[in-house]
């Protein structure tokens, strides 16, 4: 079962804030009145008694303590920056398993938490951006891929692993090779929009897929992983509940934000495998 963390955080902030407000408006005045009454009834007030009368209920004490911390976390996470960890190798070599990344939450507009309604327009995804979004078939799951197609674009991916956008071949330059899943893999420098980045292609024949084309509808985006032959992305999504012309597309309402930096890597979270900072840097 997937937990809706933004919803839980909003509920926690609301409950803690409600407890703090309840104390401010009702409980604290009662405590002050009780202390004043006690002090007026004795000639020498006992400090222990005053302390007891002034003691906050345990639930209120916890609520008031956690409220500012949770509120700050909610604001930062909802409107500024949200951390994520990369669970798979679909974005190799740009991102690797265990990378901890930061995602800019306001690059593509300010959205209200939980309902994800955009309330302030700031910018739109650009071709080549690395973007986190909620998987169309299961919005509780976050995906990270690269923006390949913008609204209105015509995307084609051929059996010989070439990418065309609006009829033009996306430029790529061979950089080198490395071991692949079966055989070898080649690394290329690709220029997609204004972004230059590395992509990875498996060279085994079994990886070949049929030539296919897509047209990106308005308000949607076509996404691909940089590890082109090991990525569950817009080319392969299949959901009978989604109209065919929208299949594989990410709607604007599912956007979470733009990934912009790696701040730590921890592929195996164990005491024997400590986190490292060798991959720290901006995401291209």
Protein backbone atom coordinates (compact mmCIF):
# COMPACT_ATOMS: atom_id res chain seq x y z
CA UNK A 1 0.00 0.00 0.00
CA UNK A 2 1.37 3.43 -1.00
CA UNK A 3 1.28 6.19 1.59
CA UNK A 4 0.21 9.66 0.49
CA UNK A 5 2.92 11.54 2.35
CA UNK A 6 1.84 15.06 1.27
CA UNK A 7 -1.67 14.37 2.60
CA UNK A 8 -0.31 12.98 5.88
CA UNK A 9 1.94 16.04 6.25
CA UNK A 10 -0.94 18.45 5.63
CA UNK A 11 -3.11 16.60 8.18
CA UNK A 12 -0.30 16.65 10.74
CA UNK A 13 0.23 20.41 10.27
CA UNK A 14 -3.52 21.04 10.53
CA UNK A 15 -3.92 18.98 13.74
CA UNK A 16 -0.86 20.51 15.41
CA UNK A 17 -1.93 24.01 14.38
CA UNK A 18 -5.45 23.37 15.68
CA UNK A 19 -4.05 22.26 19.06
CA UNK A 20 -1.86 25.36 19.23
CA UNK A 21 -4.82 27.61 18.39
CA UNK A 22 -7.05 25.82 20.92
CA UNK A 23 -4.45 26.47 23.60
CA UNK A 24 -4.01 30.12 22.59
CA UNK A 25 -7.74 30.94 22.59
CA UNK A 26 -9.16 28.76 25.36
CA UNK A 27 -6.77 26.66 27.44
CA UNK A 28 -4.04 29.23 28.15
CA UNK A 29 -6.56 31.89 29.38
CA UNK A 30 -8.11 29.26 31.68
CA UNK A 31 -4.69 28.41 33.12
CA UNK A 32 -3.92 32.09 33.71
CA UNK A 33 -7.32 32.59 35.37
CA UNK A 34 -6.75 29.55 37.62
CA UNK A 35 -3.32 30.87 38.65
CA UNK A 36 -4.74 34.34 39.36
CA UNK A 37 -7.55 32.84 41.44
CA UNK A 38 -5.11 30.70 43.41
CA UNK A 39 -2.73 33.62 44.03
CA UNK A 40 -5.64 35.73 45.30
CA UNK A 41 -6.80 33.05 47.72
CA UNK A 42 -3.51 32.49 49.59
CA UNK A 43 -1.05 34.81 51.26
CA UNK A 44 2.03 32.90 50.12
CA UNK A 45 1.48 31.12 46.77
CA UNK A 46 3.29 27.82 46.35
CA UNK A 47 5.48 27.72 43.24
CA UNK A 48 4.86 23.99 42.75
CA UNK A 49 1.11 24.57 42.68
CA UNK A 50 1.51 27.45 40.20
CA UNK A 51 3.69 25.30 37.99
CA UNK A 52 1.10 22.53 38.09
CA UNK A 53 -1.74 24.93 37.24
CA UNK A 54 0.28 26.35 34.35
CA UNK A 55 1.21 22.97 32.89
CA UNK A 56 -0.04 22.39 29.35
CA UNK A 57 -1.87 19.15 28.50
CA UNK A 58 0.60 16.67 27.02
CA UNK A 59 -1.16 16.56 23.64
CA UNK A 60 -1.16 20.35 23.39
CA UNK A 61 2.50 20.49 24.38
CA UNK A 62 3.46 18.08 21.60
CA UNK A 63 1.24 19.84 19.08
CA UNK A 64 2.76 23.25 19.80
CA UNK A 65 6.28 21.81 19.65
CA UNK A 66 5.84 20.03 16.32
CA UNK A 67 3.74 22.66 14.55
CA UNK A 68 6.53 25.10 13.51
CA UNK A 69 8.81 22.27 12.36
CA UNK A 70 6.10 20.53 10.35
CA UNK A 71 4.90 23.83 8.90
CA UNK A 72 8.40 24.71 7.67
CA UNK A 73 8.79 21.21 6.17
CA UNK A 74 5.41 21.56 4.43
CA UNK A 75 6.30 24.92 2.90
CA UNK A 76 9.77 23.81 1.77
CA UNK A 77 8.56 20.47 0.39
CA UNK A 78 5.43 21.80 -1.29
CA UNK A 79 6.65 25.05 -2.82
CA UNK A 80 10.46 25.10 -2.92
CA UNK A 81 12.51 21.89 -2.93
CA UNK A 82 11.64 18.22 -2.42
CA UNK A 83 14.19 15.40 -2.01
CA UNK A 84 13.92 12.06 -3.81
CA UNK A 85 16.03 8.93 -4.10
CA UNK A 86 16.59 7.17 -7.43
CA UNK A 87 15.38 3.53 -7.17
CA UNK A 88 16.38 2.21 -10.61
CA UNK A 89 18.92 2.56 -13.40
CA UNK A 90 16.50 3.92 -16.02
CA UNK A 91 18.30 7.30 -16.07
CA UNK A 92 21.87 6.00 -16.34
CA UNK A 93 24.38 7.49 -16.89
CA UNK A 94 22.82 10.79 -15.77
CA UNK A 95 21.45 9.34 -12.53
CA UNK A 96 22.32 6.07 -10.83
CA UNK A 97 20.62 3.80 -8.32
CA UNK A 98 20.84 5.32 -4.85
CA UNK A 99 21.38 8.93 -5.94
CA UNK A 100 19.64 11.44 -3.68
CA UNK A 101 18.35 14.32 -5.76
CA UNK A 102 16.73 17.69 -5.21
CA UNK A 103 13.67 18.73 -7.20
CA UNK A 104 12.69 22.35 -7.81
CA UNK A 105 8.96 22.59 -7.02
CA UNK A 106 8.37 26.06 -8.50
CA UNK A 107 10.11 25.80 -11.91
CA UNK A 108 6.85 24.79 -13.56
CA UNK A 109 4.48 26.84 -11.41
CA UNK A 110 3.29 26.96 -7.81
CA UNK A 111 0.88 24.13 -6.97
CA UNK A 112 -1.22 23.55 -3.88
CA UNK A 113 -0.18 20.45 -1.91
CA UNK A 114 -2.31 17.29 -2.08
CA UNK A 115 -4.70 18.57 -4.78
CA UNK A 116 -1.76 19.64 -7.01
CA UNK A 117 -3.71 22.53 -8.51
CA UNK A 118 -1.47 25.11 -10.17
CA UNK A 119 -2.23 28.53 -8.72
CA UNK A 120 0.69 30.58 -10.09
CA UNK A 121 2.12 30.19 -13.60
CA UNK A 122 5.92 30.46 -13.68
CA UNK A 123 7.21 28.31 -16.53
CA UNK A 124 6.68 25.15 -18.55
CA UNK A 125 8.86 22.06 -18.99
CA UNK A 126 11.44 22.41 -21.73
CA UNK A 127 12.72 19.70 -24.04
CA UNK A 128 15.71 18.09 -22.33
CA UNK A 129 14.62 18.80 -18.73
CA UNK A 130 14.88 15.97 -16.19
CA UNK A 131 11.45 15.93 -14.60
CA UNK A 132 9.78 14.12 -11.70
CA UNK A 133 6.11 13.32 -12.22
CA UNK A 134 3.36 11.10 -10.88
CA UNK A 135 2.92 7.96 -12.99
CA UNK A 136 -0.31 8.38 -15.00
CA UNK A 137 -1.52 4.83 -14.24
CA UNK A 138 -0.76 5.13 -10.51
CA UNK A 139 -0.43 8.74 -9.26
CA UNK A 140 0.90 7.50 -5.91
CA UNK A 141 4.14 6.45 -7.64
CA UNK A 142 6.73 9.04 -8.66
CA UNK A 143 8.77 8.60 -11.85
CA UNK A 144 11.78 10.50 -13.16
CA UNK A 145 12.55 10.77 -16.87
CA UNK A 146 13.74 13.30 -19.43
CA UNK A 147 11.29 15.51 -21.32
CA UNK A 148 11.52 14.52 -24.99
CA UNK A 149 8.23 15.72 -26.45
CA UNK A 150 6.35 18.95 -25.76
CA UNK A 151 2.66 19.58 -26.56
CA UNK A 152 2.17 19.33 -30.32
CA UNK A 153 5.48 17.53 -31.01
CA UNK A 154 5.69 14.49 -33.26
CA UNK A 155 8.04 11.89 -31.79
CA UNK A 156 9.50 8.92 -33.64
CA UNK A 157 11.82 6.23 -32.26
CA UNK A 158 13.21 3.77 -34.79
CA UNK A 159 14.22 0.12 -34.60
CA UNK A 160 17.89 1.17 -34.91
CA UNK A 161 17.54 3.37 -31.79
CA UNK A 162 17.37 6.79 -33.41
CA UNK A 163 15.18 9.57 -32.04
CA UNK A 164 13.35 12.06 -34.24
CA UNK A 165 11.51 15.14 -32.99
CA UNK A 166 9.23 16.87 -35.49
CA UNK A 167 10.93 15.02 -38.33
CA UNK A 168 14.46 16.03 -37.34
CA UNK A 169 17.04 13.53 -36.11
CA UNK A 170 18.21 14.38 -32.59
CA UNK A 171 21.97 14.92 -32.75
CA UNK A 172 24.15 12.45 -30.88
CA UNK A 173 27.90 11.73 -30.70
CA UNK A 174 29.48 8.41 -29.69
CA UNK A 175 31.56 8.80 -26.50
CA UNK A 176 32.56 5.23 -25.64
CA UNK A 177 31.33 1.83 -24.56
CA UNK A 178 30.84 -0.12 -21.35
CA UNK A 179 29.54 -3.58 -20.31
CA UNK A 180 25.83 -4.01 -21.02
CA UNK A 181 23.07 -6.33 -19.86
CA UNK A 182 23.91 -8.73 -22.67
CA UNK A 183 27.11 -7.80 -24.47
CA UNK A 184 28.09 -4.14 -24.58
CA UNK A 185 26.46 -0.75 -24.26
CA UNK A 186 27.43 2.49 -25.96
CA UNK A 187 27.40 5.96 -24.45
CA UNK A 188 26.40 8.94 -26.57
CA UNK A 189 26.29 12.67 -26.01
CA UNK A 190 22.84 13.83 -27.07
CA UNK A 191 21.62 17.37 -27.70
CA UNK A 192 17.93 17.63 -26.91
CA UNK A 193 16.70 21.20 -27.04
CA UNK A 194 19.23 23.29 -25.14
CA UNK A 195 20.35 20.34 -23.01
CA UNK A 196 23.48 18.29 -23.75
CA UNK A 197 23.61 15.06 -21.77
CA UNK A 198 24.73 11.45 -21.95
CA UNK A 199 22.48 8.58 -22.97
CA UNK A 200 23.11 4.82 -22.94
CA UNK A 201 22.12 2.24 -25.57
CA UNK A 202 22.34 -1.54 -25.33
CA UNK A 203 23.82 -2.94 -28.53
CA UNK A 204 22.34 -6.46 -28.29
CA UNK A 205 19.95 -7.19 -31.17
CA UNK A 206 17.23 -8.44 -28.83
CA UNK A 207 16.79 -4.89 -27.56
CA UNK A 208 15.52 -3.68 -30.95
CA UNK A 209 11.94 -2.37 -30.87
CA UNK A 210 9.61 -1.66 -33.79
CA UNK A 211 9.63 1.76 -35.40
CA UNK A 212 6.90 3.79 -33.71
CA UNK A 213 5.57 7.36 -33.75
CA UNK A 214 3.55 9.49 -31.34
CA UNK A 215 1.90 12.92 -31.41
CA UNK A 216 1.95 14.72 -28.07
CA UNK A 217 -1.49 16.17 -27.20
CA UNK A 218 -1.99 19.61 -25.69
CA UNK A 219 -1.17 19.81 -21.98
CA UNK A 220 0.91 16.61 -22.09
CA UNK A 221 4.57 15.55 -22.31
CA UNK A 222 6.45 12.59 -23.79
CA UNK A 223 9.09 11.17 -21.45
CA UNK A 224 12.09 8.87 -21.99
CA UNK A 225 14.85 7.52 -19.76
CA UNK A 226 18.50 8.19 -20.62
CA UNK A 227 19.13 4.45 -20.33
CA UNK A 228 17.21 4.02 -23.55
CA UNK A 229 16.90 0.23 -23.58
CA UNK A 230 16.26 -0.20 -19.85
CA UNK A 231 13.58 2.36 -19.13
CA UNK A 232 9.85 2.00 -18.56
CA UNK A 233 8.77 5.25 -20.18
CA UNK A 234 6.27 6.80 -22.61
CA UNK A 235 7.23 4.32 -25.34
CA UNK A 236 5.94 1.33 -23.38
CA UNK A 237 3.14 2.39 -21.04
CA UNK A 238 -0.12 0.55 -21.59
CA UNK A 239 -3.30 1.21 -19.65
CA UNK A 240 -6.80 0.25 -20.84
CA UNK A 241 -8.25 3.08 -18.74
CA UNK A 242 -6.36 5.76 -20.68
CA UNK A 243 -7.54 6.86 -24.16
CA UNK A 244 -5.25 5.69 -26.96
CA UNK A 245 -4.32 9.19 -28.04
CA UNK A 246 -3.18 9.95 -24.46
CA UNK A 247 -1.38 6.63 -23.89
CA UNK A 248 2.20 7.14 -22.79
CA UNK A 249 1.72 10.85 -22.16
CA UNK A 250 2.23 12.69 -18.87
CA UNK A 251 -0.48 15.32 -18.20
CA UNK A 252 0.56 18.67 -16.82
CA UNK A 253 -1.40 18.02 -13.61
CA UNK A 254 0.96 15.09 -12.80
CA UNK A 255 4.13 17.20 -12.81
CA UNK A 256 6.04 17.30 -9.52
CA UNK A 257 9.05 19.42 -10.48
CA UNK A 258 12.41 19.76 -12.21
CA UNK A 259 15.33 17.67 -10.90
CA UNK A 260 18.37 19.93 -10.66
CA UNK A 261 21.03 18.42 -8.37
CA UNK A 262 22.47 15.26 -6.82
CA UNK A 263 23.45 15.88 -3.20
CA UNK A 264 24.40 12.37 -2.05
CA UNK A 265 24.61 8.77 -3.22
CA UNK A 266 23.85 5.70 -1.13
CA UNK A 267 23.23 2.65 -3.36
CA UNK A 268 23.19 0.24 -0.41
CA UNK A 269 21.85 1.85 2.79
CA UNK A 270 23.83 -0.29 5.21
CA UNK A 271 26.38 0.51 7.90
CA UNK A 272 28.95 -1.41 5.87
CA UNK A 273 28.22 0.77 2.81
CA UNK A 274 28.28 4.40 3.85
CA UNK A 275 26.89 7.21 1.68
CA UNK A 276 29.31 8.95 -0.64
CA UNK A 277 29.46 12.36 -2.31
CA UNK A 278 31.41 11.50 -5.46
CA UNK A 279 28.40 12.16 -7.70
CA UNK A 280 27.39 15.48 -6.15
CA UNK A 281 26.62 18.11 -8.74
CA UNK A 282 24.03 19.71 -11.01
CA UNK A 283 21.93 17.46 -13.24
CA UNK A 284 22.37 18.06 -16.97
